[in-house]
Amino acid sequence: MYDSNGSKLLPISISYQADGNYLVKVGGNSSTVFEVKVTLLGDQDYRVEVDGVGSNVTLATYSKDQTKHIHIWHGSQHHHFTQQLGFELCEEEEMRHNVNSETSHPPGTVVAPMAGLVVKVLGNNGTKVEEGQPILVLEAMKMEHVVKAPSAGYVHGLEVAAGQQVSDGSILFRIEDK
């Protein structure tokens, strides 16, 4: 997405909320945040509500030549988005990041399994999560690594943001009972 002048690419962050809605953050430091609710109406038809204003859209996706294509139609308007593919996801067992018993971190602390770039943040501080629920995605060596909650509880200490580099063993967040 570009700014109103069409000259600057704006970062977009999408966070899944516990109530089933999404928070969409557009821009950097002085970003705009939208609450989005999506309801499936039929095969490829959806009702999208943004801050209480709703529209019906049709969505189609396909992959071709290592690129995922996403088409959205709203009335007579058509939007086409692309995403480069080629990132592999790790197996389920490799995705769970348990507390490192060799350190003195508080219980429930999740550390970066390797140095990398935070590409997505899927949770927020205070959000209730289930064991194995994805919290963020790291990219290292052209592979994406989904970092999941090691147990059920509430996310605390999540201070990383999309686009931020983290070092191996740095604290990403912790899961607490309250």
N, C-alpha and C. Protein backbone atom coordinates (compact mmCIF):
# COMPACT_ATOMS: atom_id res chain seq x y z
N MET A 1 0.85 -1.16 0.00
CA MET A 1 0.00 0.00 0.00
C MET A 1 0.90 1.23 0.00
N TYR A 2 0.49 2.22 -0.79
CA TYR A 2 1.27 3.44 -0.92
C TYR A 2 0.57 4.60 -0.20
N ASP A 3 1.37 5.63 0.14
CA ASP A 3 0.80 6.82 0.77
C ASP A 3 -0.10 7.56 -0.21
N SER A 4 -0.73 8.64 0.24
CA SER A 4 -1.70 9.37 -0.59
C SER A 4 -1.06 9.95 -1.85
N ASN A 5 0.25 10.18 -1.84
CA ASN A 5 0.95 10.68 -3.03
C ASN A 5 1.31 9.56 -4.00
N GLY A 6 1.21 8.32 -3.54
CA GLY A 6 1.57 7.18 -4.37
C GLY A 6 3.06 6.99 -4.52
N SER A 7 3.85 7.64 -3.65
CA SER A 7 5.29 7.58 -3.81
C SER A 7 6.01 6.77 -2.74
N LYS A 8 5.38 6.56 -1.61
CA LYS A 8 6.04 5.87 -0.51
C LYS A 8 5.26 4.62 -0.13
N LEU A 9 5.96 3.48 -0.11
CA LEU A 9 5.35 2.22 0.28
C LEU A 9 5.15 2.22 1.79
N LEU A 10 3.93 1.94 2.24
CA LEU A 10 3.61 1.93 3.66
C LEU A 10 3.58 0.50 4.20
N PRO A 11 4.18 0.26 5.36
CA PRO A 11 4.10 -1.08 5.96
C PRO A 11 2.70 -1.34 6.49
N ILE A 12 2.26 -2.59 6.39
CA ILE A 12 0.95 -3.00 6.92
C ILE A 12 1.18 -4.16 7.87
N SER A 13 0.56 -4.08 9.05
CA SER A 13 0.65 -5.14 10.04
C SER A 13 -0.77 -5.59 10.36
N ILE A 14 -1.01 -6.90 10.35
CA ILE A 14 -2.33 -7.45 10.65
C ILE A 14 -2.20 -8.37 11.85
N SER A 15 -3.02 -8.10 12.87
CA SER A 15 -3.00 -8.89 14.10
C SER A 15 -4.37 -9.52 14.32
N TYR A 16 -4.38 -10.83 14.54
CA TYR A 16 -5.62 -11.54 14.84
C TYR A 16 -5.96 -11.31 16.30
N GLN A 17 -7.22 -10.99 16.57
CA GLN A 17 -7.67 -10.72 17.93
C GLN A 17 -8.43 -11.92 18.49
N ALA A 18 -8.49 -12.03 19.79
CA ALA A 18 -9.16 -13.15 20.44
C ALA A 18 -10.65 -13.22 20.09
N ASP A 19 -11.29 -12.07 19.79
CA ASP A 19 -12.72 -12.07 19.46
C ASP A 19 -12.99 -12.45 18.01
N GLY A 20 -11.94 -12.80 17.24
CA GLY A 20 -12.10 -13.22 15.86
C GLY A 20 -11.94 -12.10 14.85
N ASN A 21 -11.82 -10.88 15.31
CA ASN A 21 -11.60 -9.74 14.42
C ASN A 21 -10.11 -9.56 14.18
N TYR A 22 -9.76 -8.60 13.34
CA TYR A 22 -8.39 -8.29 13.02
C TYR A 22 -8.13 -6.82 13.29
N LEU A 23 -6.91 -6.51 13.71
CA LEU A 23 -6.46 -5.12 13.80
C LEU A 23 -5.48 -4.93 12.66
N VAL A 24 -5.75 -3.96 11.80
CA VAL A 24 -4.88 -3.66 10.67
C VAL A 24 -4.22 -2.32 10.93
N LYS A 25 -2.89 -2.32 10.98
CA LYS A 25 -2.10 -1.12 11.26
C LYS A 25 -1.40 -0.73 9.96
N VAL A 26 -1.64 0.50 9.52
CA VAL A 26 -1.06 0.99 8.27
C VAL A 26 -0.12 2.14 8.60
N GLY A 27 1.12 2.03 8.15
CA GLY A 27 2.10 3.10 8.37
C GLY A 27 3.09 2.75 9.45
N GLY A 28 3.99 3.68 9.69
CA GLY A 28 5.06 3.48 10.67
C GLY A 28 4.68 4.02 12.03
N ASN A 29 5.47 4.99 12.54
CA ASN A 29 5.28 5.52 13.89
C ASN A 29 3.92 6.18 14.09
N SER A 30 3.49 7.01 13.17
CA SER A 30 2.19 7.68 13.29
C SER A 30 1.16 6.90 12.47
N SER A 31 0.98 5.63 12.82
CA SER A 31 0.16 4.73 12.03
C SER A 31 -1.33 4.90 12.31
N THR A 32 -2.12 4.43 11.37
CA THR A 32 -3.56 4.37 11.50
C THR A 32 -3.94 2.93 11.77
N VAL A 33 -4.87 2.71 12.71
CA VAL A 33 -5.28 1.36 13.07
C VAL A 33 -6.78 1.20 12.79
N PHE A 34 -7.13 0.10 12.13
CA PHE A 34 -8.51 -0.21 11.81
C PHE A 34 -8.88 -1.54 12.45
N GLU A 35 -10.10 -1.64 12.98
CA GLU A 35 -10.61 -2.93 13.43
C GLU A 35 -11.44 -3.49 12.29
N VAL A 36 -11.13 -4.73 11.89
CA VAL A 36 -11.78 -5.33 10.72
C VAL A 36 -12.45 -6.64 11.14
N LYS A 37 -13.71 -6.78 10.74
CA LYS A 37 -14.46 -8.02 10.97
C LYS A 37 -14.79 -8.60 9.60
N VAL A 38 -14.52 -9.90 9.41
CA VAL A 38 -14.76 -10.56 8.13
C VAL A 38 -15.71 -11.74 8.36
N THR A 39 -16.79 -11.77 7.58
CA THR A 39 -17.77 -12.84 7.68
C THR A 39 -17.91 -13.52 6.32
N LEU A 40 -17.78 -14.84 6.29
CA LEU A 40 -17.94 -15.60 5.05
C LEU A 40 -19.43 -15.67 4.72
N LEU A 41 -19.79 -15.21 3.51
CA LEU A 41 -21.19 -15.24 3.06
C LEU A 41 -21.46 -16.44 2.16
N GLY A 42 -20.47 -16.83 1.40
CA GLY A 42 -20.61 -17.93 0.46
C GLY A 42 -19.26 -18.24 -0.13
N ASP A 43 -19.21 -19.15 -1.05
CA ASP A 43 -17.98 -19.68 -1.65
C ASP A 43 -16.79 -18.71 -1.61
N GLN A 44 -16.86 -17.59 -2.30
CA GLN A 44 -15.77 -16.61 -2.32
C GLN A 44 -16.25 -15.21 -1.95
N ASP A 45 -17.45 -15.14 -1.36
CA ASP A 45 -18.04 -13.85 -1.01
C ASP A 45 -17.94 -13.62 0.50
N TYR A 46 -17.57 -12.39 0.86
CA TYR A 46 -17.36 -12.02 2.25
C TYR A 46 -18.02 -10.69 2.56
N ARG A 47 -18.38 -10.51 3.81
CA ARG A 47 -18.82 -9.22 4.33
C ARG A 47 -17.65 -8.70 5.15
N VAL A 48 -17.13 -7.52 4.79
CA VAL A 48 -16.00 -6.92 5.50
C VAL A 48 -16.49 -5.65 6.17
N GLU A 49 -16.31 -5.58 7.50
CA GLU A 49 -16.70 -4.40 8.25
C GLU A 49 -15.45 -3.76 8.81
N VAL A 50 -15.26 -2.48 8.49
CA VAL A 50 -14.10 -1.73 8.97
C VAL A 50 -14.61 -0.59 9.83
N ASP A 51 -14.28 -0.66 11.13
CA ASP A 51 -14.74 0.35 12.09
C ASP A 51 -16.24 0.58 11.97
N GLY A 52 -17.01 -0.50 11.80
CA GLY A 52 -18.46 -0.42 11.78
C GLY A 52 -19.09 -0.18 10.42
N VAL A 53 -18.33 0.08 9.39
CA VAL A 53 -18.85 0.30 8.04
C VAL A 53 -18.60 -0.96 7.22
N GLY A 54 -19.69 -1.53 6.64
CA GLY A 54 -19.57 -2.81 5.96
C GLY A 54 -19.68 -2.74 4.46
N SER A 55 -19.04 -3.70 3.79
CA SER A 55 -19.10 -3.85 2.34
C SER A 55 -19.01 -5.34 2.01
N ASN A 56 -19.67 -5.72 0.90
CA ASN A 56 -19.54 -7.09 0.42
C ASN A 56 -18.46 -7.13 -0.64
N VAL A 57 -17.59 -8.14 -0.57
CA VAL A 57 -16.49 -8.29 -1.53
C VAL A 57 -16.42 -9.74 -2.00
N THR A 58 -15.78 -9.93 -3.14
CA THR A 58 -15.49 -11.26 -3.65
C THR A 58 -13.97 -11.41 -3.69
N LEU A 59 -13.49 -12.55 -3.28
CA LEU A 59 -12.06 -12.79 -3.16
C LEU A 59 -11.67 -14.03 -3.95
N ALA A 60 -10.56 -13.95 -4.67
CA ALA A 60 -10.02 -15.10 -5.39
C ALA A 60 -8.51 -15.10 -5.22
N THR A 61 -7.93 -16.27 -4.98
CA THR A 61 -6.47 -16.39 -4.84
C THR A 61 -5.97 -17.55 -5.67
N TYR A 62 -4.74 -17.41 -6.16
CA TYR A 62 -4.07 -18.50 -6.85
C TYR A 62 -2.57 -18.23 -6.81
N SER A 63 -1.78 -19.26 -7.05
CA SER A 63 -0.32 -19.12 -7.08
C SER A 63 0.19 -19.46 -8.45
N LYS A 64 1.17 -18.66 -8.94
CA LYS A 64 1.77 -18.90 -10.25
C LYS A 64 3.19 -18.35 -10.22
N ASP A 65 4.14 -19.13 -10.66
CA ASP A 65 5.54 -18.70 -10.77
C ASP A 65 6.07 -18.11 -9.46
N GLN A 66 5.92 -18.83 -8.38
CA GLN A 66 6.44 -18.43 -7.06
C GLN A 66 5.82 -17.12 -6.54
N THR A 67 4.63 -16.79 -7.04
CA THR A 67 3.92 -15.59 -6.59
C THR A 67 2.48 -15.95 -6.27
N LYS A 68 2.02 -15.51 -5.12
CA LYS A 68 0.61 -15.69 -4.76
C LYS A 68 -0.14 -14.44 -5.22
N HIS A 69 -1.23 -14.64 -5.93
CA HIS A 69 -2.06 -13.55 -6.44
C HIS A 69 -3.35 -13.51 -5.63
N ILE A 70 -3.73 -12.33 -5.18
CA ILE A 70 -4.96 -12.14 -4.44
C ILE A 70 -5.77 -11.06 -5.17
N HIS A 71 -6.98 -11.42 -5.58
CA HIS A 71 -7.87 -10.49 -6.28
C HIS A 71 -9.06 -10.21 -5.40
N ILE A 72 -9.40 -8.94 -5.24
CA ILE A 72 -10.57 -8.53 -4.47
C ILE A 72 -11.43 -7.63 -5.34
N TRP A 73 -12.71 -7.98 -5.47
CA TRP A 73 -13.67 -7.17 -6.21
C TRP A 73 -14.67 -6.57 -5.23
N HIS A 74 -14.90 -5.28 -5.36
CA HIS A 74 -15.90 -4.56 -4.57
C HIS A 74 -16.68 -3.70 -5.54
N GLY A 75 -17.91 -4.14 -5.87
CA GLY A 75 -18.67 -3.42 -6.90
C GLY A 75 -17.92 -3.47 -8.21
N SER A 76 -17.68 -2.30 -8.81
CA SER A 76 -16.96 -2.25 -10.09
C SER A 76 -15.45 -2.12 -9.89
N GLN A 77 -15.00 -2.03 -8.64
CA GLN A 77 -13.57 -1.88 -8.37
C GLN A 77 -12.89 -3.23 -8.24
N HIS A 78 -11.65 -3.29 -8.73
CA HIS A 78 -10.86 -4.51 -8.65
C HIS A 78 -9.48 -4.17 -8.08
N HIS A 79 -9.04 -4.94 -7.09
CA HIS A 79 -7.72 -4.76 -6.49
C HIS A 79 -6.95 -6.06 -6.65
N HIS A 80 -5.68 -5.96 -7.05
CA HIS A 80 -4.84 -7.13 -7.26
C HIS A 80 -3.59 -6.97 -6.40
N PHE A 81 -3.35 -7.93 -5.51
CA PHE A 81 -2.17 -7.94 -4.64
C PHE A 81 -1.34 -9.16 -4.97
N THR A 82 -0.03 -9.04 -4.80
CA THR A 82 0.86 -10.19 -5.00
C THR A 82 1.77 -10.34 -3.81
N GLN A 83 2.18 -11.57 -3.57
CA GLN A 83 3.12 -11.90 -2.49
C GLN A 83 4.09 -12.93 -3.02
N GLN A 84 5.39 -12.66 -2.88
CA GLN A 84 6.40 -13.61 -3.32
C GLN A 84 6.35 -14.85 -2.42
N LEU A 85 6.39 -16.01 -3.03
CA LEU A 85 6.40 -17.27 -2.29
C LEU A 85 7.82 -17.80 -2.23
N GLY A 86 7.98 -18.95 -1.62
CA GLY A 86 9.29 -19.57 -1.57
C GLY A 86 9.81 -19.73 -0.16
N PHE A 87 9.08 -19.20 0.82
CA PHE A 87 9.48 -19.38 2.20
C PHE A 87 8.89 -20.69 2.69
N GLU A 88 9.72 -21.50 3.32
CA GLU A 88 9.24 -22.75 3.86
C GLU A 88 8.94 -22.58 5.34
N LEU A 89 7.92 -23.26 5.80
CA LEU A 89 7.60 -23.24 7.23
C LEU A 89 8.20 -24.47 7.88
N CYS A 90 8.60 -24.32 9.10
CA CYS A 90 9.20 -25.43 9.84
C CYS A 90 8.13 -26.42 10.26
N GLU A 91 8.55 -27.63 10.58
CA GLU A 91 7.63 -28.64 11.06
C GLU A 91 7.12 -28.27 12.44
N GLU A 92 5.98 -28.83 12.83
CA GLU A 92 5.32 -28.51 14.10
C GLU A 92 6.25 -28.64 15.30
N GLU A 93 7.01 -29.72 15.37
CA GLU A 93 7.89 -29.91 16.53
C GLU A 93 8.95 -28.83 16.63
N GLU A 94 9.43 -28.34 15.49
CA GLU A 94 10.44 -27.31 15.50
C GLU A 94 9.85 -25.94 15.81
N MET A 95 8.54 -25.82 15.74
CA MET A 95 7.89 -24.53 15.92
C MET A 95 7.69 -24.18 17.39
N ARG A 96 7.69 -25.13 18.26
CA ARG A 96 7.45 -24.86 19.67
C ARG A 96 8.74 -24.40 20.31
N HIS A 97 8.66 -23.26 20.94
CA HIS A 97 9.85 -22.67 21.55
C HIS A 97 9.65 -22.69 23.06
N ASN A 98 10.25 -23.65 23.70
CA ASN A 98 10.09 -23.80 25.13
C ASN A 98 11.12 -22.98 25.87
N VAL A 99 10.89 -22.86 27.16
CA VAL A 99 11.82 -22.12 27.99
C VAL A 99 13.19 -22.79 27.96
N ASN A 100 14.21 -22.02 27.78
CA ASN A 100 15.57 -22.54 27.77
C ASN A 100 16.00 -22.75 29.22
N SER A 101 16.16 -23.98 29.63
CA SER A 101 16.47 -24.28 31.03
C SER A 101 17.88 -23.86 31.42
N GLU A 102 18.72 -23.52 30.43
CA GLU A 102 20.09 -23.13 30.74
C GLU A 102 20.21 -21.66 31.09
N THR A 103 19.13 -20.90 30.99
CA THR A 103 19.18 -19.48 31.31
C THR A 103 18.38 -19.20 32.57
N SER A 104 18.44 -17.96 33.02
CA SER A 104 17.71 -17.59 34.22
C SER A 104 16.48 -16.75 33.89
N HIS A 105 15.85 -17.01 32.74
CA HIS A 105 14.64 -16.29 32.36
C HIS A 105 13.48 -16.76 33.22
N PRO A 106 12.51 -15.89 33.48
CA PRO A 106 11.31 -16.31 34.23
C PRO A 106 10.57 -17.42 33.49
N PRO A 107 9.81 -18.24 34.20
CA PRO A 107 9.04 -19.31 33.55
C PRO A 107 8.11 -18.73 32.48
N GLY A 108 7.96 -19.46 31.38
CA GLY A 108 7.09 -19.04 30.30
C GLY A 108 7.74 -18.12 29.29
N THR A 109 9.02 -17.78 29.50
CA THR A 109 9.72 -16.87 28.60
C THR A 109 10.06 -17.59 27.29
N VAL A 110 9.82 -16.91 26.19
CA VAL A 110 10.14 -17.46 24.87
C VAL A 110 11.24 -16.60 24.28
N VAL A 111 12.31 -17.24 23.84
CA VAL A 111 13.46 -16.53 23.28
C VAL A 111 13.59 -16.85 21.79
N ALA A 112 14.25 -15.96 21.07
CA ALA A 112 14.46 -16.17 19.64
C ALA A 112 15.33 -17.42 19.44
N PRO A 113 14.89 -18.36 18.62
CA PRO A 113 15.66 -19.58 18.39
C PRO A 113 16.90 -19.33 17.54
N MET A 114 16.92 -18.16 16.88
CA MET A 114 18.05 -17.77 16.03
C MET A 114 17.91 -16.29 15.73
N ALA A 115 18.98 -15.69 15.25
CA ALA A 115 18.92 -14.30 14.83
C ALA A 115 18.03 -14.22 13.59
N GLY A 116 17.25 -13.15 13.47
CA GLY A 116 16.39 -13.02 12.31
C GLY A 116 15.61 -11.73 12.32
N LEU A 117 14.73 -11.62 11.35
CA LEU A 117 13.89 -10.45 11.16
C LEU A 117 12.46 -10.81 11.53
N VAL A 118 11.84 -9.98 12.38
CA VAL A 118 10.42 -10.18 12.71
C VAL A 118 9.62 -9.71 11.50
N VAL A 119 8.86 -10.63 10.88
CA VAL A 119 8.09 -10.25 9.70
C VAL A 119 6.60 -10.07 10.00
N LYS A 120 6.12 -10.72 11.04
CA LYS A 120 4.71 -10.58 11.42
C LYS A 120 4.58 -10.71 12.93
N VAL A 121 3.74 -9.89 13.52
CA VAL A 121 3.38 -10.02 14.93
C VAL A 121 1.89 -10.34 14.96
N LEU A 122 1.54 -11.51 15.47
CA LEU A 122 0.18 -12.01 15.42
C LEU A 122 -0.57 -11.89 16.74
N GLY A 123 0.12 -11.45 17.80
CA GLY A 123 -0.50 -11.31 19.11
C GLY A 123 -0.21 -9.96 19.70
N ASN A 124 -0.84 -9.69 20.82
CA ASN A 124 -0.64 -8.43 21.54
C ASN A 124 -0.46 -8.72 23.02
N ASN A 125 0.16 -7.80 23.74
CA ASN A 125 0.27 -7.93 25.18
C ASN A 125 -1.12 -8.01 25.79
N GLY A 126 -1.29 -8.92 26.73
CA GLY A 126 -2.57 -9.08 27.41
C GLY A 126 -3.54 -10.02 26.71
N THR A 127 -3.21 -10.45 25.50
CA THR A 127 -4.09 -11.35 24.75
C THR A 127 -4.03 -12.75 25.34
N LYS A 128 -5.20 -13.37 25.52
CA LYS A 128 -5.25 -14.76 25.98
C LYS A 128 -4.95 -15.66 24.80
N VAL A 129 -4.05 -16.63 24.99
CA VAL A 129 -3.67 -17.54 23.91
C VAL A 129 -3.73 -18.99 24.39
N GLU A 130 -3.84 -19.88 23.43
CA GLU A 130 -3.83 -21.32 23.70
C GLU A 130 -2.43 -21.87 23.41
N GLU A 131 -2.12 -23.00 23.98
CA GLU A 131 -0.83 -23.64 23.69
C GLU A 131 -0.72 -23.90 22.20
N GLY A 132 0.43 -23.52 21.62
CA GLY A 132 0.67 -23.73 20.20
C GLY A 132 0.15 -22.64 19.29
N GLN A 133 -0.51 -21.62 19.86
CA GLN A 133 -1.04 -20.53 19.03
C GLN A 133 0.11 -19.67 18.52
N PRO A 134 0.15 -19.36 17.22
CA PRO A 134 1.22 -18.51 16.69
C PRO A 134 1.18 -17.11 17.30
N ILE A 135 2.37 -16.59 17.68
CA ILE A 135 2.48 -15.26 18.26
C ILE A 135 3.21 -14.32 17.32
N LEU A 136 4.26 -14.83 16.67
CA LEU A 136 4.98 -14.00 15.69
C LEU A 136 5.71 -14.88 14.71
N VAL A 137 6.17 -14.25 13.63
CA VAL A 137 6.90 -14.97 12.58
C VAL A 137 8.26 -14.31 12.40
N LEU A 138 9.32 -15.11 12.45
CA LEU A 138 10.68 -14.66 12.21
C LEU A 138 11.13 -15.17 10.85
N GLU A 139 11.97 -14.40 10.19
CA GLU A 139 12.57 -14.85 8.95
C GLU A 139 14.08 -14.92 9.17
N ALA A 140 14.64 -16.07 8.85
CA ALA A 140 16.08 -16.26 8.96
C ALA A 140 16.51 -17.18 7.82
N MET A 141 17.55 -16.83 7.14
CA MET A 141 18.07 -17.63 6.03
C MET A 141 16.98 -17.97 5.01
N LYS A 142 16.16 -16.98 4.68
CA LYS A 142 15.08 -17.10 3.69
C LYS A 142 14.04 -18.13 4.06
N MET A 143 13.92 -18.44 5.35
CA MET A 143 12.87 -19.34 5.83
C MET A 143 12.09 -18.62 6.92
N GLU A 144 10.79 -18.86 6.94
CA GLU A 144 9.96 -18.29 7.99
C GLU A 144 9.82 -19.30 9.12
N HIS A 145 9.92 -18.80 10.34
CA HIS A 145 9.79 -19.62 11.54
C HIS A 145 8.67 -19.04 12.39
N VAL A 146 7.58 -19.81 12.57
CA VAL A 146 6.46 -19.35 13.37
C VAL A 146 6.79 -19.63 14.83
N VAL A 147 6.75 -18.59 15.65
CA VAL A 147 7.01 -18.74 17.08
C VAL A 147 5.67 -18.83 17.79
N LYS A 148 5.45 -19.94 18.48
CA LYS A 148 4.16 -20.22 19.09
C LYS A 148 4.23 -20.16 20.62
N ALA A 149 3.07 -19.99 21.22
CA ALA A 149 2.97 -19.99 22.68
C ALA A 149 3.29 -21.39 23.20
N PRO A 150 4.21 -21.50 24.17
CA PRO A 150 4.57 -22.82 24.69
C PRO A 150 3.49 -23.41 25.60
N SER A 151 2.56 -22.56 26.07
CA SER A 151 1.48 -23.01 26.94
C SER A 151 0.32 -22.02 26.83
N ALA A 152 -0.82 -22.39 27.39
CA ALA A 152 -1.97 -21.48 27.42
C ALA A 152 -1.71 -20.41 28.48
N GLY A 153 -2.23 -19.22 28.24
CA GLY A 153 -2.07 -18.12 29.19
C GLY A 153 -2.24 -16.79 28.50
N TYR A 154 -1.57 -15.78 29.06
CA TYR A 154 -1.67 -14.42 28.53
C TYR A 154 -0.29 -13.93 28.08
N VAL A 155 -0.25 -13.23 26.94
CA VAL A 155 1.00 -12.72 26.39
C VAL A 155 1.44 -11.49 27.19
N HIS A 156 2.72 -11.47 27.59
CA HIS A 156 3.30 -10.32 28.29
C HIS A 156 4.70 -10.06 27.73
N GLY A 157 5.12 -8.82 27.79
CA GLY A 157 6.48 -8.46 27.40
C GLY A 157 6.76 -8.52 25.91
N LEU A 158 5.71 -8.51 25.09
CA LEU A 158 5.88 -8.55 23.64
C LEU A 158 6.22 -7.14 23.17
N GLU A 159 7.50 -6.89 22.94
CA GLU A 159 7.97 -5.56 22.59
C GLU A 159 8.55 -5.49 21.19
N VAL A 160 8.55 -6.59 20.46
CA VAL A 160 9.11 -6.58 19.11
C VAL A 160 8.04 -6.15 18.11
N ALA A 161 8.49 -5.64 16.97
CA ALA A 161 7.57 -5.18 15.92
C ALA A 161 8.04 -5.72 14.58
N ALA A 162 7.13 -5.79 13.65
CA ALA A 162 7.49 -6.22 12.29
C ALA A 162 8.57 -5.30 11.75
N GLY A 163 9.58 -5.91 11.13
CA GLY A 163 10.70 -5.15 10.58
C GLY A 163 11.88 -5.05 11.52
N GLN A 164 11.72 -5.54 12.74
CA GLN A 164 12.79 -5.44 13.74
C GLN A 164 13.69 -6.67 13.68
N GLN A 165 14.99 -6.46 13.77
CA GLN A 165 15.96 -7.56 13.85
C GLN A 165 16.07 -8.01 15.30
N VAL A 166 16.16 -9.32 15.52
CA VAL A 166 16.38 -9.85 16.87
C VAL A 166 17.59 -10.77 16.83
N SER A 167 18.29 -10.84 17.93
CA SER A 167 19.47 -11.71 18.01
C SER A 167 19.10 -13.05 18.62
N ASP A 168 19.91 -14.04 18.35
CA ASP A 168 19.72 -15.38 18.88
C ASP A 168 19.64 -15.34 20.40
N GLY A 169 18.61 -15.91 20.97
CA GLY A 169 18.47 -15.97 22.42
C GLY A 169 17.84 -14.75 23.06
N SER A 170 17.51 -13.73 22.26
CA SER A 170 16.88 -12.54 22.85
C SER A 170 15.44 -12.87 23.25
N ILE A 171 14.95 -12.23 24.29
CA ILE A 171 13.60 -12.49 24.78
C ILE A 171 12.59 -11.88 23.81
N LEU A 172 11.62 -12.69 23.38
CA LEU A 172 10.58 -12.23 22.47
C LEU A 172 9.30 -11.86 23.24
N PHE A 173 8.89 -12.73 24.16
CA PHE A 173 7.70 -12.51 24.98
C PHE A 173 7.68 -13.59 26.05
N ARG A 174 6.68 -13.52 26.92
CA ARG A 174 6.48 -14.60 27.90
C ARG A 174 4.99 -14.86 28.04
N ILE A 175 4.65 -16.06 28.46
CA ILE A 175 3.27 -16.46 28.68
C ILE A 175 3.08 -16.63 30.18
N GLU A 176 2.09 -15.91 30.72
CA GLU A 176 1.79 -15.99 32.16
C GLU A 176 0.35 -16.42 32.35
N ASP A 177 0.05 -16.87 33.58
CA ASP A 177 -1.30 -17.33 33.91
C ASP A 177 -2.32 -16.19 33.91
N LYS A 178 -1.85 -14.97 34.21
CA LYS A 178 -2.77 -13.82 34.31
C LYS A 178 -2.35 -12.72 33.40
